[in-house]
Structures are given as structure tokens and as C-alpha cells.
Protein backbone atom coordinates (compact mmCIF):
# COMPACT_ATOMS: atom_id res chain seq x y z
CA MET A 1 -114.31 -60.38 35.58
CA ARG A 2 -111.69 -60.29 32.75
CA ILE A 3 -111.16 -62.98 30.36
CA ASP A 4 -107.69 -64.26 29.70
CA GLY A 5 -106.16 -65.37 26.23
CA LYS A 6 -106.75 -64.68 22.80
CA ILE A 7 -110.27 -64.57 21.53
CA ALA A 8 -110.89 -65.11 17.78
CA PHE A 9 -114.11 -64.14 15.96
CA LEU A 10 -114.37 -65.90 12.77
CA GLY A 11 -116.78 -63.63 11.05
CA ALA A 12 -117.09 -59.82 11.59
CA GLY A 13 -120.60 -59.02 10.81
CA ASN A 14 -123.19 -57.46 13.00
CA MET A 15 -123.09 -59.85 15.74
CA GLY A 16 -119.43 -60.45 15.63
CA GLN A 17 -118.88 -56.81 15.95
CA ALA A 18 -121.48 -56.48 18.66
CA LEU A 19 -119.57 -58.87 20.83
CA ILE A 20 -116.38 -57.31 20.15
CA ARG A 21 -117.67 -53.86 21.14
CA GLY A 22 -119.46 -55.29 24.34
CA LEU A 23 -116.38 -57.06 25.53
CA ILE A 24 -114.19 -53.96 25.06
CA GLU A 25 -116.72 -51.56 26.63
CA ALA A 26 -117.42 -53.84 29.57
CA ASP A 27 -113.60 -54.10 30.11
CA ARG A 28 -113.64 -58.01 29.90
CA VAL A 29 -110.61 -58.04 27.59
CA ALA A 30 -108.18 -55.66 26.05
CA ALA A 31 -108.37 -54.75 22.49
CA ASP A 32 -105.06 -56.71 21.64
CA GLN A 33 -106.64 -59.80 22.88
CA LEU A 34 -108.90 -59.89 20.05
CA VAL A 35 -108.74 -60.85 16.41
CA ALA A 36 -111.58 -60.97 13.85
CA SER A 37 -111.33 -62.65 10.38
CA ASP A 38 -113.77 -61.85 7.35
CA THR A 39 -113.61 -62.20 3.71
CA ARG A 40 -114.83 -58.61 3.36
CA ALA A 41 -112.22 -55.93 3.44
CA GLU A 42 -114.69 -53.31 4.69
CA GLN A 43 -115.66 -55.39 7.73
CA ARG A 44 -112.07 -55.85 8.58
CA THR A 45 -111.42 -52.19 8.09
CA ALA A 46 -114.38 -51.32 10.35
CA CYS A 47 -113.02 -53.80 13.18
CA TRP A 48 -109.57 -52.01 13.12
CA GLU A 49 -110.81 -48.46 12.90
CA ARG A 50 -113.58 -48.78 15.49
CA TYR A 51 -112.10 -51.13 17.85
CA GLY A 52 -108.32 -51.20 17.33
CA ILE A 53 -108.25 -54.89 17.14
CA HIS A 54 -106.28 -57.28 14.90
CA THR A 55 -108.04 -58.54 11.68
CA SER A 56 -107.34 -61.10 8.97
CA ALA A 57 -108.80 -62.19 5.86
CA SER A 58 -107.98 -65.81 6.84
CA ASN A 59 -109.97 -67.88 9.36
CA HIS A 60 -106.86 -70.18 9.70
CA ASP A 61 -104.64 -67.40 10.88
CA ALA A 62 -107.31 -65.85 13.06
CA ALA A 63 -107.90 -69.07 14.94
CA ARG A 64 -104.23 -69.87 15.39
CA GLY A 65 -103.31 -69.80 19.12
CA ALA A 66 -106.75 -68.60 20.14
CA ALA A 67 -107.97 -69.58 23.66
CA VAL A 68 -111.50 -69.08 22.49
CA VAL A 69 -112.85 -69.40 19.00
CA VAL A 70 -116.24 -67.64 18.29
CA LEU A 71 -117.99 -68.85 15.16
CA ALA A 72 -119.90 -65.74 14.17
CA VAL A 73 -120.79 -66.99 10.74
CA LYS A 74 -124.28 -67.97 8.83
CA PRO A 75 -125.29 -71.50 9.39
CA GLN A 76 -125.20 -72.07 5.62
CA ILE A 77 -121.41 -71.90 5.63
CA ILE A 78 -120.36 -73.16 9.13
CA ALA A 79 -119.51 -76.54 7.99
CA THR A 80 -116.88 -74.89 5.31
CA VAL A 81 -115.52 -72.83 8.06
CA LEU A 82 -115.05 -75.74 10.57
CA GLU A 83 -113.28 -77.94 7.89
CA GLU A 84 -111.01 -74.90 7.28
CA VAL A 85 -109.92 -74.57 10.85
CA ARG A 86 -110.33 -78.16 12.16
CA GLU A 87 -106.55 -78.63 12.39
CA THR A 88 -105.77 -75.06 13.47
CA ILE A 89 -107.89 -74.72 16.56
CA GLU A 90 -105.67 -75.54 19.80
CA ALA A 91 -106.56 -78.85 21.54
CA ASP A 92 -107.31 -76.72 24.75
CA ALA A 93 -109.33 -74.19 23.08
CA LEU A 94 -113.16 -73.35 23.66
CA VAL A 95 -115.22 -73.14 20.49
CA ILE A 96 -118.62 -71.13 20.78
CA SER A 97 -121.14 -70.98 18.04
CA ILE A 98 -123.88 -68.44 17.50
CA ALA A 99 -125.04 -70.20 14.24
CA ALA A 100 -128.88 -70.68 14.35
CA GLY A 101 -130.00 -74.19 14.08
CA VAL A 102 -126.58 -75.95 13.85
CA THR A 103 -126.35 -78.46 16.69
CA ILE A 104 -123.53 -79.19 18.80
CA ALA A 105 -123.17 -82.79 17.58
CA SER A 106 -122.79 -81.43 14.08
CA ILE A 107 -120.08 -78.93 15.25
CA GLU A 108 -118.20 -81.50 17.32
CA ALA A 109 -118.26 -84.12 14.30
CA ARG A 110 -116.32 -81.49 12.21
CA LEU A 111 -113.61 -80.66 14.83
CA ARG A 112 -111.19 -82.85 16.35
CA PRO A 113 -112.34 -85.30 19.00
CA GLY A 114 -112.52 -83.66 22.38
CA THR A 115 -112.97 -80.08 21.38
CA ARG A 116 -114.94 -78.15 23.84
CA VAL A 117 -118.04 -76.58 22.30
CA VAL A 118 -120.67 -74.08 23.70
CA ARG A 119 -123.57 -73.42 21.38
CA THR A 120 -125.30 -70.00 21.67
CA MET A 121 -128.50 -68.07 20.25
CA PRO A 122 -128.04 -64.41 20.81
CA ASN A 123 -130.16 -61.77 19.18
CA VAL A 124 -129.55 -58.39 17.41
CA CYS A 125 -130.23 -56.49 20.37
CA SER A 126 -126.64 -57.13 21.51
CA LEU A 127 -125.75 -54.26 19.10
CA VAL A 128 -127.03 -51.79 21.81
CA ARG A 129 -125.88 -54.14 24.67
CA GLU A 130 -129.34 -55.28 25.51
CA GLY A 131 -129.21 -58.81 23.98
CA ALA A 132 -130.85 -62.05 24.94
CA THR A 133 -128.76 -64.99 24.60
CA ALA A 134 -129.18 -68.66 25.41
CA LEU A 135 -126.49 -71.07 25.85
CA SER A 136 -125.94 -74.92 25.89
CA SER A 137 -122.76 -76.87 26.80
CA GLY A 138 -121.40 -79.56 24.31
CA THR A 139 -120.26 -82.91 25.31
CA HIS A 140 -116.81 -81.88 26.50
CA ALA A 141 -117.26 -78.43 27.80
CA THR A 142 -116.85 -77.71 31.46
CA ASP A 143 -118.58 -75.56 33.89
CA ALA A 144 -115.52 -73.08 33.49
CA ASP A 145 -116.09 -73.16 29.87
CA LEU A 146 -119.80 -72.13 30.26
CA ASP A 147 -118.70 -69.43 32.78
CA VAL A 148 -116.33 -67.82 30.04
CA ALA A 149 -119.17 -68.09 27.43
CA ARG A 150 -121.75 -66.37 29.79
CA ARG A 151 -119.15 -63.65 30.66
CA ILE A 152 -118.77 -62.98 26.83
CA PHE A 153 -122.45 -62.79 26.25
CA GLU A 154 -123.31 -60.88 29.52
CA SER A 155 -121.07 -58.09 28.07
CA VAL A 156 -124.04 -57.38 25.59
CA GLY A 157 -127.16 -58.16 27.73
CA LEU A 158 -128.85 -61.09 29.31
CA SER A 159 -127.85 -64.88 29.13
CA VAL A 160 -129.69 -67.99 30.23
CA VAL A 161 -128.37 -71.70 30.19
CA VAL A 162 -130.87 -74.16 28.58
CA ASP A 163 -130.80 -77.61 27.34
CA GLU A 164 -129.91 -77.82 23.67
CA ALA A 165 -133.29 -79.41 22.83
CA LEU A 166 -134.76 -75.98 23.64
CA MET A 167 -132.44 -73.98 21.22
CA ASP A 168 -134.95 -74.05 18.56
CA ALA A 169 -137.58 -72.54 20.62
CA VAL A 170 -135.20 -69.88 21.81
CA THR A 171 -134.35 -69.16 18.03
CA GLY A 172 -138.08 -68.63 17.51
CA LEU A 173 -138.63 -66.42 20.56
CA SER A 174 -135.78 -64.47 21.49
CA GLY A 175 -133.51 -65.01 18.40
CA SER A 176 -136.06 -63.76 15.82
CA GLY A 177 -138.18 -61.82 18.43
CA PRO A 178 -136.79 -58.26 17.59
CA ALA A 179 -138.19 -58.48 14.09
CA TYR A 180 -141.63 -58.92 15.76
CA ILE A 181 -141.29 -55.99 17.97
CA PHE A 182 -139.96 -53.85 15.35
CA MET A 183 -143.25 -54.80 13.46
CA VAL A 184 -145.13 -53.62 16.52
CA ILE A 185 -143.33 -50.39 16.74
CA GLU A 186 -143.84 -49.73 13.18
CA ALA A 187 -147.45 -50.32 13.34
CA LEU A 188 -147.96 -48.36 16.52
CA SER A 189 -146.26 -45.40 14.78
CA ASP A 190 -148.39 -45.68 11.69
CA ALA A 191 -151.36 -45.63 13.96
CA GLY A 192 -150.10 -42.46 15.58
CA VAL A 193 -149.63 -40.84 12.26
CA LYS A 194 -153.24 -41.96 11.25
CA ALA A 195 -154.45 -40.39 14.52
CA GLY A 196 -152.84 -37.01 13.72
CA LEU A 197 -149.40 -37.28 15.26
CA SER A 198 -146.28 -36.22 13.27
CA ARG A 199 -144.18 -39.13 12.23
CA GLY A 200 -141.25 -38.11 14.50
CA ASP A 201 -143.48 -37.89 17.54
CA ALA A 202 -145.38 -41.03 16.87
CA HIS A 203 -141.98 -42.98 16.35
CA ALA A 204 -140.56 -41.62 19.64
CA LEU A 205 -143.70 -42.45 21.63
CA SER A 206 -144.09 -45.97 20.15
CA CYS A 207 -140.16 -46.75 20.96
CA GLN A 208 -140.46 -45.38 24.29
CA THR A 209 -143.84 -47.25 25.12
CA VAL A 210 -142.21 -50.55 24.14
CA LEU A 211 -139.02 -49.90 26.15
CA GLY A 212 -141.07 -48.69 29.17
CA ALA A 213 -143.29 -51.56 29.21
CA ALA A 214 -140.51 -54.01 28.98
CA LYS A 215 -138.64 -52.22 31.74
CA LEU A 216 -141.64 -52.44 34.10
CA ALA A 217 -142.09 -56.12 33.39
CA ILE A 218 -138.47 -56.79 34.14
CA GLU A 219 -138.26 -54.61 37.28
CA THR A 220 -141.65 -55.47 39.00
CA LYS A 221 -141.38 -59.21 38.03
CA GLU A 222 -145.20 -59.06 37.83
CA HIS A 223 -147.05 -61.31 35.45
CA PRO A 224 -147.71 -59.50 32.06
CA GLY A 225 -151.43 -60.25 32.37
CA ARG A 226 -151.44 -58.32 35.83
CA LEU A 227 -149.67 -55.42 34.32
CA LYS A 228 -152.00 -55.27 31.55
CA ASP A 229 -154.87 -55.23 33.88
CA MET A 230 -153.13 -52.21 35.64
CA VAL A 231 -153.62 -50.25 32.40
CA CYS A 232 -157.26 -51.31 31.55
CA SER A 233 -159.54 -49.15 33.37
CA PRO A 234 -163.35 -50.39 33.49
CA GLY A 235 -164.97 -49.14 30.36
CA GLY A 236 -161.76 -47.28 29.35
CA THR A 237 -159.72 -46.93 26.09
CA ALA A 238 -157.11 -49.47 26.95
CA ILE A 239 -159.78 -52.37 27.44
CA ALA A 240 -161.54 -51.39 24.24
CA ALA A 241 -158.19 -51.53 22.40
CA VAL A 242 -157.26 -54.95 23.79
CA HIS A 243 -160.70 -56.15 22.87
CA GLU A 244 -159.69 -55.17 19.22
CA LEU A 245 -156.38 -56.87 19.65
CA GLU A 246 -158.02 -60.09 20.75
CA LYS A 247 -160.38 -59.95 17.83
CA GLY A 248 -157.46 -59.65 15.45
CA GLY A 249 -155.74 -62.72 16.94
CA LEU A 250 -152.60 -60.87 18.05
CA ARG A 251 -151.73 -63.61 20.58
CA THR A 252 -152.48 -66.55 18.30
CA THR A 253 -150.38 -64.76 15.66
CA LEU A 254 -147.33 -64.18 17.77
CA ILE A 255 -147.38 -67.88 19.14
CA ASN A 256 -147.74 -69.10 15.54
CA ALA A 257 -144.83 -66.92 14.59
CA VAL A 258 -142.55 -68.24 17.19
CA GLU A 259 -143.50 -71.83 16.21
CA VAL A 260 -142.79 -71.19 12.54
CA ALA A 261 -139.39 -69.62 13.26
CA ALA A 262 -138.48 -72.74 15.50
CA HIS A 263 -139.30 -75.00 12.76
CA ARG A 264 -137.14 -73.10 10.40
CA ALA A 265 -134.15 -73.19 12.82
CA ALA A 266 -134.63 -76.93 12.85
CA GLU A 267 -134.56 -77.05 9.06
CA LEU A 268 -131.48 -75.02 8.89
CA GLY A 269 -129.85 -77.54 11.16
CA GLY A 270 -130.95 -80.22 8.68
CA ARG A 271 -133.46 -81.52 11.32
CA ARG A 272 -137.25 -81.69 11.65
CA ARG A 273 -139.29 -80.57 14.75
């Protein structure tokens, strides 16, 4: 389903461009509905050359007349950006934030009273339209607003709606999670090289193994423990390897990583968990 009206992206970095690309490729909008602002000339040029959309060096100009304003900036500068566009954003516009750790309340407090806000936490896999995004509605956001936000983020992958209190957990899990998986891929590839494979073959096999395992879990909807058991034959290679992973504390390390990232998300938003 297409989305009506002008959509302004304040920030044209990786995530902003991923969403722009996804919206166009999924035919959710026409290119001339989109505008992106960024202080970096190279990012504005990239948006024009790759996607044929309008660009601006001014957040103020980009936000003017927009039906949807996407705050695609780092959490450290979001307060400055909000102050800049507070009076520019239309009274009936929807504001969508992707800033990690920044609460709905802090965003609403920097905008005009009654502004409709949806907070989101996407991840970098949106660059290949396999992202995972969580969304939470603000005080004044409607079901229709949430539907618009979901259509935007479902153009680049999966979306789920969660209570805002769970957003830090989402940031620790799926927001930061690709970094953990990239480390797994790198380690598996190194292991393949150590065992005698070429770097190219080891990397390709590692990536495809992670992709295939994830697809199997998604499509079968089986518990991952059950799928693991399917691979582990009695006295076989996989169960021997799983034993080593357990000795190394793989599960505990991953759980701790998610927890630490969630705590950091809270700190970025000026809160404690």
C-alpha cells in the first residue's frame, strides 16, 4: 500500500538511505515525494544520484510541508535538530525517530504540544531490506500513524510493535545484534582457514550457513534448541563442537552482550536501567 504526502528524512546516512531505497523499491512512494537533508554534501549528492529525490542542506527546509518527518540522526544531536525544526513541522505531521535510547517523552517535550510521535529501533540489515525494527507509539499517535510507520519500515524488513519500556532491550538485541553475528561469521571464517579452506570459500560457507540457519528457524518456526538437536547426531561432530561452545560460555557471553548494550542505550537517553 502506498503512502501519501511528502516524507522528509532529517539525516541521509546509512539508515536514512536504506529507508529511502526501500520505500522506492517497494513502490510505497514516488521519488518526488521524498526529501533528505544532511550537512554533508556527499550524502546529499548520493541521494540525488542514486534515488532521484530532493535534497537540502537545511533541516528546516526539508521538514517544511512534510506529512511525515523521519529523524534519522544520531541520539547525541537529536535535541539540537528538534529545536531547529520545532516550529517548522506541520501541526498534523507524524514524527518518526530512529535515535537509539531517546525516549518518546524527550522528543515530545521538544516539539509543539500534541505532535504525533512514533519511536523506532531498526538495524543495519535494513541496507539489504532484511532489517528488524521495533516501533512504539507516542502519547498522541494514532493507530493510523502506527500503520504508516510500519509500512515505511516493512519496506526494509520485519517490524514489531512493542511497549516503549522494552525499547532498550530491542536495541541490545536486534539493534546491536548484527555486530554480534558479524563477529560469529568472522570467527567461523577464520576457523575454516585454520582448517585448510581458502579465505574466499571459508567466508562464503560461513555467510551461507548463518543465512540458511536463520531461514530454517524462521520458516519452520521450530524452537532453536530443537533445530540444534536435529544437527547433533549421537557421538557426532556437531555435539562435540556444541560441548566446546558451552565450555567457552557462548550463551552467557551473548546474553551479557545484549544486556550491556541495553544498558548503554538507556545511558544514551540519559536514563538508568
